[in-house]
Amino acid sequence: DVFEQPQHVGLKKIEFHISTEIPAVLQMNSEKEEKNGKRVYLYASTEEINNTGFGRIFPAPSSNDKMETEEEDDEIPSEFISRKDLEKNRLSKEEMEKFSVFKNYEPGDPNCRIYVKNLAKQVQEKDLKFIFGRYVDFQSEVERNMFDIRLMKEGRMKGQAFIGLPNEKAAAKALKEANGYVLYEKPMVVQFARSARPKQDANEGKRKK
């Protein structure tokens, strides 16, 4: 009988441990704490359960990692210039106004070919491929074939280049991001090409290959 009574009391007190009477229960004399040892452990176990429950919330910020990887996926392969480097070495609109080459600048009528001028003597085709290759999907055979760089190295056209891109959208993006980019200490002037014979140009590009 003596051992059964504390068990009934314990069950009743377990029901009331949620109420404000908990501190009073915890402040019992040491003798009662010994008798009702089971009850004290129950309180501790509920706290442990709560703690583990709150602990499970912490892994949630992993969504930030996903965002970072998505941004990295958007970036172009390392063999081509990154968007950050393009922006870092590109002149602002205010700076462009100080250069005579940008005076009366007009982008021209949108098409898939762009015209680049004010190129430094050191510029080679590989430099232009490094910059404009980022607008081409080299896994696509069609886009790969349409990508064409024609750098003028002699005569009156020296320091100029014509670059064929897969489509008008890619050319527009290249113009927007590369115009004013400083290559070998000279800012590039990028416009849409005025070429009226895109089909012949494409055929010539294939013959070269």
Protein backbone atom coordinates (compact mmCIF):
# COMPACT_ATOMS: atom_id res chain seq x y z
CA ASP A 1 0.00 0.00 0.00
CA VAL A 2 2.76 2.42 0.93
CA PHE A 3 4.46 1.94 -2.45
CA GLU A 4 1.25 2.16 -4.44
CA GLN A 5 0.19 5.58 -3.10
CA PRO A 6 3.13 7.62 -4.48
CA GLN A 7 2.45 6.11 -7.92
CA HIS A 8 -1.13 7.43 -7.92
CA VAL A 9 0.06 10.82 -6.68
CA GLY A 10 2.77 10.77 -9.34
CA LEU A 11 0.26 10.18 -12.11
CA LYS A 12 -1.90 13.05 -10.91
CA LYS A 13 1.07 15.37 -10.68
CA ILE A 14 2.23 14.44 -14.17
CA GLU A 15 -1.07 15.73 -15.46
CA PHE A 16 -0.55 19.07 -13.69
CA HIS A 17 3.15 19.58 -14.52
CA ILE A 18 2.16 21.84 -17.47
CA SER A 19 0.54 24.40 -15.14
CA THR A 20 2.24 27.13 -13.06
CA GLU A 21 2.55 24.72 -10.15
CA ILE A 22 5.74 23.24 -11.63
CA PRO A 23 8.12 25.53 -9.68
CA ALA A 24 6.42 24.58 -6.44
CA VAL A 25 6.90 20.91 -7.23
CA LEU A 26 10.56 21.42 -8.09
CA GLN A 27 11.12 23.29 -4.79
CA MET A 28 10.05 20.33 -2.64
CA ASN A 29 12.12 19.08 0.31
CA SER A 30 14.89 16.63 -0.40
CA GLU A 31 12.91 13.83 1.26
CA LYS A 32 9.98 14.26 -1.10
CA GLU A 33 12.32 14.52 -4.05
CA GLU A 34 13.72 11.10 -3.14
CA LYS A 35 10.26 9.56 -2.87
CA ASN A 36 9.06 11.19 -6.05
CA GLY A 37 12.30 10.65 -7.92
CA LYS A 38 10.45 9.29 -10.90
CA ARG A 39 8.52 12.54 -11.22
CA VAL A 40 11.68 14.65 -11.33
CA TYR A 41 13.09 12.47 -14.09
CA LEU A 42 9.88 12.92 -16.05
CA TYR A 43 10.30 16.67 -16.02
CA ALA A 44 13.88 16.31 -17.16
CA SER A 45 12.88 13.98 -19.97
CA THR A 46 10.27 16.42 -21.28
CA GLU A 47 12.89 19.19 -21.31
CA GLU A 48 15.30 16.91 -23.19
CA ILE A 49 12.62 16.12 -25.74
CA ASN A 50 11.91 19.82 -26.21
CA ASN A 51 15.59 20.55 -26.61
CA THR A 52 15.99 17.93 -29.29
CA GLY A 53 12.89 19.27 -30.97
CA PHE A 54 14.31 22.78 -31.15
CA GLY A 55 17.62 21.36 -32.35
CA ARG A 56 15.99 20.00 -35.47
CA ILE A 57 15.12 23.51 -36.63
CA PHE A 58 18.77 24.55 -37.10
CA PRO A 59 19.56 22.62 -40.34
CA ALA A 60 16.88 24.66 -42.19
CA PRO A 61 19.26 27.38 -43.51
CA SER A 62 20.65 24.83 -46.00
CA SER A 63 18.41 26.56 -48.58
CA ASN A 64 21.09 29.29 -48.76
CA ASP A 65 23.58 26.70 -49.98
CA LYS A 66 21.18 25.75 -52.75
CA MET A 67 20.90 29.40 -53.79
CA GLU A 68 24.69 29.68 -53.97
CA THR A 69 25.02 26.58 -56.12
CA GLU A 70 22.30 27.84 -58.45
CA GLU A 71 24.18 31.11 -58.87
CA GLU A 72 27.37 29.18 -59.58
CA ASP A 73 25.53 27.09 -62.18
CA ASP A 74 24.50 30.28 -63.95
CA GLU A 75 28.12 31.30 -64.31
CA ILE A 76 29.98 30.64 -67.55
CA PRO A 77 32.80 28.01 -67.65
CA SER A 78 36.19 29.25 -66.42
CA GLU A 79 37.65 29.18 -69.94
CA PHE A 80 35.67 32.37 -70.64
CA ILE A 81 35.54 35.69 -68.84
CA SER A 82 33.20 35.94 -65.85
CA ARG A 83 30.43 38.51 -65.52
CA LYS A 84 32.22 40.02 -62.50
CA ASP A 85 35.43 40.59 -64.45
CA LEU A 86 33.47 42.11 -67.33
CA GLU A 87 31.77 44.56 -64.99
CA LYS A 88 34.95 45.32 -63.07
CA ASN A 89 36.94 46.33 -66.17
CA ARG A 90 34.14 48.10 -68.01
CA LEU A 91 33.89 51.87 -68.19
CA SER A 92 30.87 53.58 -66.69
CA LYS A 93 28.66 55.81 -68.86
CA GLU A 94 30.31 58.89 -67.34
CA GLU A 95 33.79 57.55 -68.15
CA MET A 96 32.76 56.67 -71.71
CA GLU A 97 31.78 60.28 -72.34
CA LYS A 98 35.41 61.30 -71.81
CA PHE A 99 36.57 59.15 -74.76
CA SER A 100 36.14 60.47 -78.29
CA VAL A 101 35.51 56.94 -79.62
CA PHE A 102 32.18 56.88 -77.75
CA LYS A 103 31.08 60.28 -79.07
CA ASN A 104 27.79 59.94 -81.01
CA TYR A 105 27.75 56.23 -80.14
CA GLU A 106 24.76 54.29 -81.47
CA PRO A 107 24.32 50.53 -81.02
CA GLY A 108 22.76 50.09 -84.47
CA ASP A 109 20.02 47.74 -85.64
CA PRO A 110 19.90 44.45 -83.69
CA ASN A 111 21.15 41.35 -85.49
CA CYS A 112 23.26 38.30 -84.66
CA ARG A 113 26.58 39.91 -85.69
CA ILE A 114 28.45 42.52 -83.72
CA TYR A 115 31.13 44.97 -84.75
CA VAL A 116 34.00 45.79 -82.38
CA LYS A 117 36.43 48.67 -82.87
CA ASN A 118 39.16 50.55 -80.96
CA LEU A 119 41.02 47.30 -80.31
CA ALA A 120 44.63 47.42 -79.13
CA LYS A 121 47.47 46.09 -81.32
CA GLN A 122 48.08 43.19 -78.94
CA VAL A 123 44.52 41.84 -79.26
CA GLN A 124 44.28 38.38 -80.81
CA GLU A 125 41.34 36.19 -81.75
CA LYS A 126 41.78 34.15 -78.57
CA ASP A 127 41.23 37.35 -76.52
CA LEU A 128 37.95 37.99 -78.29
CA LYS A 129 36.95 34.34 -77.92
CA PHE A 130 37.68 34.60 -74.18
CA ILE A 131 35.24 37.50 -73.92
CA PHE A 132 32.52 36.69 -76.44
CA GLY A 133 32.65 32.90 -76.10
CA ARG A 134 30.61 33.24 -72.91
CA TYR A 135 27.55 33.99 -75.08
CA VAL A 136 27.82 30.72 -76.99
CA ASP A 137 26.70 27.25 -75.94
CA PHE A 138 29.61 25.13 -77.18
CA GLN A 139 27.69 21.93 -76.46
CA SER A 140 25.38 22.89 -79.32
CA GLU A 141 26.88 22.17 -82.75
CA VAL A 142 24.66 24.81 -84.36
CA GLU A 143 25.78 27.57 -81.97
CA ARG A 144 29.39 26.43 -82.25
CA ASN A 145 29.30 26.75 -86.05
CA MET A 146 27.62 30.16 -85.93
CA PHE A 147 30.28 31.57 -83.61
CA ASP A 148 32.72 33.34 -85.91
CA ILE A 149 35.49 35.83 -85.12
CA ARG A 150 37.04 37.93 -87.86
CA LEU A 151 39.79 40.17 -86.51
CA MET A 152 41.25 42.76 -88.89
CA LYS A 153 45.03 43.05 -88.43
CA GLU A 154 46.07 45.01 -91.50
CA GLY A 155 45.09 48.07 -93.53
CA ARG A 156 42.40 50.58 -92.74
CA MET A 157 40.29 48.02 -90.83
CA LYS A 158 43.10 47.30 -88.37
CA GLY A 159 41.90 47.25 -84.75
CA GLN A 160 38.40 46.17 -85.70
CA ALA A 161 36.57 42.87 -85.61
CA PHE A 162 33.31 41.23 -86.66
CA ILE A 163 31.88 38.56 -84.40
CA GLY A 164 29.04 36.24 -85.37
CA LEU A 165 26.91 35.00 -82.47
CA PRO A 166 24.19 32.29 -82.39
CA ASN A 167 21.25 34.70 -82.26
CA GLU A 168 20.11 38.29 -81.84
CA LYS A 169 19.52 37.85 -78.10
CA ALA A 170 23.10 36.69 -77.50
CA ALA A 171 24.43 39.57 -79.61
CA ALA A 172 22.34 42.11 -77.68
CA LYS A 173 23.61 40.75 -74.36
CA ALA A 174 27.22 40.80 -75.60
CA LEU A 175 26.84 44.41 -76.74
CA LYS A 176 25.35 45.49 -73.42
CA GLU A 177 27.96 43.75 -71.25
CA ALA A 178 31.14 44.17 -73.34
CA ASN A 179 30.76 47.72 -74.66
CA GLY A 180 33.36 49.86 -72.87
CA TYR A 181 35.33 46.85 -71.60
CA VAL A 182 39.00 47.83 -71.29
CA LEU A 183 41.18 45.31 -73.13
CA TYR A 184 44.95 46.00 -73.12
CA GLU A 185 44.25 49.49 -71.72
CA LYS A 186 41.89 50.39 -74.56
CA PRO A 187 38.09 50.41 -74.18
CA MET A 188 36.24 48.36 -76.79
CA VAL A 189 33.44 49.99 -78.76
CA VAL A 190 30.79 47.34 -79.44
CA GLN A 191 27.94 47.85 -81.93
CA PHE A 192 25.63 45.74 -84.05
CA ALA A 193 27.27 45.01 -87.40
CA ARG A 194 25.79 46.67 -90.47
CA SER A 195 26.55 43.65 -92.64
CA ALA A 196 23.86 43.27 -95.26
CA ARG A 197 25.12 39.83 -96.33
CA PRO A 198 24.92 37.57 -93.25
CA LYS A 199 24.44 34.42 -95.40
CA GLN A 200 27.61 35.02 -97.42
CA ASP A 201 29.55 35.83 -94.27
CA ALA A 202 28.38 32.57 -92.74
CA ASN A 203 29.46 30.63 -95.82
CA GLU A 204 32.86 32.28 -95.80
CA GLY A 205 33.22 31.37 -92.13
CA LYS A 206 32.50 27.71 -92.96
CA ARG A 207 35.00 27.71 -95.81
CA LYS A 208 37.71 28.89 -93.43
CA LYS A 209 36.96 26.00 -91.13
